[in-house]
Each structure stands twice: as C-alpha cells, then as structure tokens.
Amino acid sequence: MWNNKKEWFDKHKSEYGLVKNDLRAVTGRMIEKVSEFDADIAGAGLDTKKCMTRINRDLRFSKDRTPYKTDFYIVLNRGGKNSAAAFYYLHIQPDNSFAGGGVYNPQPGPLNLIRTAIDADFESWKKVIGNSRFKRIFPSGIHSPSVLSKVPKGFEQSSPAADFLKMKGFYTMEQLSDKEIVSGEAFGKVTACFKAAKPLIDFINQAIYQPAKS
C-alpha cells in the first residue's frame, strides 16, 4: 500500500533525500560508462540532477490528485532531458523496472524525419533492429506508445516499412525484476541494454539532426 500524502512525505523527507543522493551517484556512474561508447553523451556536459525526473507530479491537468510519483526515471540525452534527441533511460519502480533507449512520443517534426529515414533506408533500419545483440537484449523489439491504423500521408501505403511508419514512437525496453534491480549485477545489465540500444539511438538522431537531402 502506497502512502501518497504530503503529510507522510514531509515526515520522511530526509529518507527520500538519502535515496535521491544514491540515485544521483548511480546516474553519475551511468554517464561515465555511457560516455565510454557514446561520444555525444561524453560531450553533452550532463548534470546528474537534470537527468532525473522530479518526484512531484504535475497536477494541472490530472484528475488523479496524488502529489507524488511512485517511480524514478533517469534519462541520458545528448541535448538534455527534454531534448527531441533519442535517449537512454532507466525506469525504477516496484514490479515495473526496465531499461532501454529511443524516443517515446516525438513531436510531429522529428517524428516525420524519423519515418522518412526509415522509409528511405529500410535496409539500414532492418540491420539496426535485426542485429543479433539487439534481438537478444530486446526480444520484444521496437515499441511505440500508439500506432496509426494506416500509413501516414506522404508515404506509400505499400511501403515495406509500413508497420514502422504507423508508429508514433520508437523505443526498446528490457524488463528488470525487483531482485535484479537491487542486485550487484544491475549496473552491468543496464549498461548492456544501453550498448545494445546505441545503434537505434544513432539512427534516430541521424534522422533528426542530419536528414538526407532529397
């Protein structure tokens, strides 16, 4: 049973502070490790504090008035947490922890650029998601927050990439059990997820920031 009330949180704020500091330390280690194989992250000057989501929920447009999130979310993005760029992420929550990379729900402009890149070079896209390490780490493949019923305007309905063109996001996720997330092997497993996701992140960021000229 969650106790999601401000009065309870205020009494336990010091405990939350300890957990938050531990998580910032882990985030710092993650930045260092990912920087070893991703030059964009190495050169981004990421601030650990800004890579973590806040515990306070945005209640402005929500019917759910509980004030606090029940998870931690770490994002390593070359342009910062709110950038349009593809990112590595770790989600920590009891019975629902996972790691991966990609873009969840990009704005129309970047989304169209990603779809255009997939359609224009479907062979390269298939190499990214068909890589043996990618398939082993992410057996469920590419995920999307939602999918269109038809191929969007501007693309051929018969395109071999049709199933992906209908997607509104492109990300991976590997579930981590509660036992795994608190084990000594957790950091290595998350790092393996990030390495496997890098080709996907590179493809997406190439599409967004260096689109091919028509």
Protein backbone atom coordinates (compact mmCIF):
# COMPACT_ATOMS: atom_id res chain seq x y z
CA MET A 1 0.00 0.00 0.00
CA TRP A 2 1.40 3.37 -1.06
CA ASN A 3 1.23 6.34 1.28
CA ASN A 4 0.98 9.18 -1.21
CA LYS A 5 0.23 12.12 1.07
CA LYS A 6 2.21 15.29 1.69
CA GLU A 7 2.00 14.94 5.46
CA TRP A 8 3.62 11.49 5.35
CA PHE A 9 6.24 12.62 2.84
CA ASP A 10 7.22 15.63 4.96
CA LYS A 11 7.93 13.31 7.91
CA HIS A 12 10.11 11.07 5.74
CA LYS A 13 11.76 13.70 3.56
CA SER A 14 15.23 13.00 4.98
CA GLU A 15 14.90 9.34 3.93
CA TYR A 16 13.91 10.41 0.43
CA GLY A 17 16.94 12.70 0.37
CA LEU A 18 19.26 9.76 1.04
CA VAL A 19 17.67 7.72 -1.75
CA LYS A 20 17.87 10.67 -4.14
CA ASN A 21 21.56 11.17 -3.38
CA ASP A 22 22.23 7.49 -4.00
CA LEU A 23 20.41 7.72 -7.31
CA ARG A 24 22.40 10.78 -8.36
CA ALA A 25 25.58 8.82 -7.67
CA VAL A 26 24.31 5.96 -9.83
CA THR A 27 23.37 8.44 -12.57
CA GLY A 28 26.89 9.85 -12.47
CA ARG A 29 28.33 6.37 -12.93
CA MET A 30 25.93 5.76 -15.80
CA ILE A 31 27.02 8.96 -17.56
CA GLU A 32 30.66 7.97 -17.19
CA LYS A 33 30.04 4.46 -18.51
CA VAL A 34 27.91 5.51 -21.47
CA SER A 35 30.47 8.21 -22.31
CA GLU A 36 32.95 5.41 -22.97
CA PHE A 37 31.00 4.27 -26.03
CA ASP A 38 28.87 7.31 -26.96
CA ALA A 39 30.76 10.49 -27.83
CA ASP A 40 27.54 12.53 -27.88
CA ILE A 41 26.89 11.75 -24.22
CA ALA A 42 30.56 12.29 -23.38
CA GLY A 43 30.44 15.78 -24.83
CA ALA A 44 27.00 16.78 -23.53
CA GLY A 45 28.10 18.02 -20.09
CA LEU A 46 25.15 16.32 -18.44
CA ASP A 47 24.13 17.32 -14.92
CA THR A 48 23.05 14.29 -12.87
CA LYS A 49 20.29 16.28 -11.20
CA LYS A 50 18.78 17.26 -14.54
CA CYS A 51 18.89 13.67 -15.81
CA MET A 52 16.42 12.57 -13.14
CA THR A 53 12.69 13.23 -13.09
CA ARG A 54 11.19 15.10 -10.14
CA ILE A 55 9.13 13.22 -7.58
CA ASN A 56 6.32 15.80 -7.67
CA ARG A 57 3.56 15.07 -10.16
CA ASP A 58 2.17 17.74 -12.48
CA LEU A 59 -1.42 18.04 -11.28
CA ARG A 60 -2.55 20.87 -13.55
CA PHE A 61 -4.46 18.67 -15.99
CA SER A 62 -4.85 15.47 -13.99
CA LYS A 63 -7.89 14.04 -12.23
CA ASP A 64 -5.50 12.00 -10.08
CA ARG A 65 -4.61 14.38 -7.25
CA THR A 66 -1.95 12.25 -5.57
CA PRO A 67 1.05 14.57 -5.29
CA TYR A 68 3.98 12.20 -5.82
CA LYS A 69 5.28 9.80 -8.44
CA THR A 70 5.95 6.24 -7.37
CA ASP A 71 8.94 5.70 -9.64
CA PHE A 72 12.35 7.06 -10.53
CA TYR A 73 13.24 7.81 -14.13
CA ILE A 74 16.75 8.52 -15.42
CA VAL A 75 17.28 9.93 -18.92
CA LEU A 76 20.65 10.32 -20.65
CA ASN A 77 20.06 12.55 -23.65
CA ARG A 78 22.72 14.42 -25.59
CA GLY A 79 20.54 17.53 -25.65
CA GLY A 80 19.25 17.31 -22.08
CA LYS A 81 16.22 15.60 -20.57
CA ASN A 82 13.64 17.48 -22.66
CA SER A 83 15.52 17.39 -25.96
CA ALA A 84 13.99 15.91 -29.12
CA ALA A 85 17.00 13.60 -29.43
CA ALA A 86 16.82 9.86 -28.78
CA PHE A 87 17.95 8.85 -25.30
CA TYR A 88 18.98 6.06 -22.95
CA TYR A 89 16.69 5.53 -19.97
CA LEU A 90 16.24 3.58 -16.78
CA HIS A 91 12.87 3.32 -15.08
CA ILE A 92 12.85 2.10 -11.46
CA GLN A 93 9.58 1.08 -9.82
CA PRO A 94 8.50 -1.94 -7.77
CA ASP A 95 7.32 -4.69 -10.14
CA ASN A 96 7.85 -2.41 -13.15
CA SER A 97 11.52 -1.59 -13.74
CA PHE A 98 13.02 -1.52 -17.23
CA ALA A 99 15.85 -0.07 -19.32
CA GLY A 100 16.27 0.79 -22.96
CA GLY A 101 16.56 3.63 -25.43
CA GLY A 102 14.92 5.53 -28.27
CA VAL A 103 12.19 8.18 -28.49
CA TYR A 104 8.83 7.76 -26.77
CA ASN A 105 6.42 10.32 -28.23
CA PRO A 106 8.29 12.76 -30.51
CA GLN A 107 6.73 15.94 -31.84
CA PRO A 108 5.37 15.87 -35.43
CA GLY A 109 8.51 17.40 -36.98
CA PRO A 110 11.06 14.93 -35.57
CA LEU A 111 8.59 12.06 -35.96
CA ASN A 112 8.23 12.75 -39.67
CA LEU A 113 12.02 12.91 -40.08
CA ILE A 114 12.40 9.52 -38.38
CA ARG A 115 9.70 7.96 -40.53
CA THR A 116 11.29 9.46 -43.66
CA ALA A 117 14.68 7.98 -42.73
CA ILE A 118 13.18 4.53 -42.09
CA ASP A 119 11.28 4.61 -45.38
CA ALA A 120 14.25 5.89 -47.38
CA ASP A 121 16.77 3.41 -45.99
CA PHE A 122 14.76 0.48 -44.74
CA GLU A 123 17.71 -1.89 -45.18
CA SER A 124 19.77 0.09 -42.65
CA TRP A 125 16.80 0.18 -40.27
CA LYS A 126 16.43 -3.59 -40.52
CA LYS A 127 20.13 -4.01 -39.73
CA VAL A 128 19.68 -1.92 -36.57
CA ILE A 129 16.72 -3.86 -35.21
CA GLY A 130 17.83 -7.19 -36.65
CA ASN A 131 21.28 -7.14 -35.06
CA SER A 132 21.88 -10.30 -33.03
CA ARG A 133 22.76 -8.41 -29.83
CA PHE A 134 19.77 -6.12 -30.22
CA LYS A 135 17.41 -9.08 -30.64
CA ARG A 136 18.95 -10.92 -27.70
CA ILE A 137 18.75 -7.95 -25.31
CA PHE A 138 15.40 -6.69 -26.60
CA PRO A 139 13.43 -9.77 -27.73
CA SER A 140 10.20 -7.75 -27.80
CA GLY A 141 11.70 -5.45 -30.45
CA ILE A 142 10.58 -1.88 -31.09
CA HIS A 143 7.77 -0.39 -29.04
CA SER A 144 5.51 2.59 -29.71
CA PRO A 145 3.13 4.49 -27.40
CA SER A 146 0.44 4.14 -30.08
CA VAL A 147 0.09 3.05 -33.70
CA LEU A 148 -1.85 4.55 -36.60
CA SER A 149 -4.41 2.41 -38.42
CA LYS A 150 -2.98 3.47 -41.80
CA VAL A 151 0.37 4.60 -43.17
CA PRO A 152 0.52 8.41 -42.70
CA LYS A 153 0.14 10.81 -45.59
CA GLY A 154 3.31 11.40 -47.57
CA PHE A 155 4.30 7.72 -47.60
CA GLU A 156 3.28 4.87 -49.89
CA GLN A 157 0.69 2.58 -48.34
CA SER A 158 2.58 -0.37 -49.86
CA SER A 159 5.95 0.64 -48.37
CA PRO A 160 7.87 -2.36 -46.97
CA ALA A 161 8.40 -0.20 -43.86
CA ALA A 162 4.64 0.32 -43.41
CA ASP A 163 4.42 -1.30 -39.97
CA PHE A 164 7.06 1.07 -38.62
CA LEU A 165 5.73 4.16 -40.42
CA LYS A 166 2.48 3.74 -38.47
CA MET A 167 4.31 4.01 -35.16
CA LYS A 168 4.28 7.24 -33.13
CA GLY A 169 7.48 6.42 -31.27
CA PHE A 170 10.44 4.07 -31.46
CA TYR A 171 11.92 2.69 -28.27
CA THR A 172 13.11 -0.51 -26.64
CA MET A 173 12.61 -1.85 -23.15
CA GLU A 174 14.05 -4.73 -21.19
CA GLN A 175 12.20 -5.61 -18.01
CA LEU A 176 14.19 -5.88 -14.78
CA SER A 177 12.80 -7.78 -11.83
CA ASP A 178 12.90 -6.30 -8.34
CA LYS A 179 15.59 -8.83 -7.48
CA GLU A 180 17.69 -7.83 -10.49
CA ILE A 181 17.39 -4.08 -9.93
CA VAL A 182 18.82 -4.30 -6.40
CA SER A 183 21.48 -6.90 -7.22
CA GLY A 184 25.17 -6.30 -7.77
CA GLU A 185 24.67 -7.15 -11.44
CA ALA A 186 22.11 -4.42 -12.10
CA PHE A 187 24.57 -1.79 -13.31
CA GLY A 188 26.17 -4.20 -15.78
CA LYS A 189 22.81 -5.31 -17.12
CA VAL A 190 21.60 -1.74 -17.62
CA THR A 191 24.87 -0.86 -19.36
CA ALA A 192 24.40 -3.85 -21.69
CA CYS A 193 20.92 -2.56 -22.54
CA PHE A 194 22.33 0.86 -23.35
CA LYS A 195 25.07 -0.56 -25.59
CA ALA A 196 22.51 -2.64 -27.46
CA ALA A 197 20.28 0.43 -27.89
CA LYS A 198 23.04 2.70 -29.22
CA PRO A 199 22.60 1.80 -32.95
CA LEU A 200 18.89 2.67 -32.63
CA ILE A 201 19.72 5.96 -30.92
CA ASP A 202 22.31 6.76 -33.59
CA PHE A 203 19.84 6.05 -36.41
CA ILE A 204 17.16 8.25 -34.87
CA ASN A 205 19.49 11.13 -34.09
CA GLN A 206 20.98 10.96 -37.58
CA ALA A 207 17.44 11.23 -38.95
CA ILE A 208 16.57 14.21 -36.75
CA TYR A 209 19.78 16.23 -36.91
CA GLN A 210 21.33 15.21 -40.23
CA PRO A 211 18.44 14.22 -42.50
CA ALA A 212 19.31 13.04 -46.00
CA LYS A 213 18.76 15.64 -48.73
CA SER A 214 16.04 14.75 -51.21
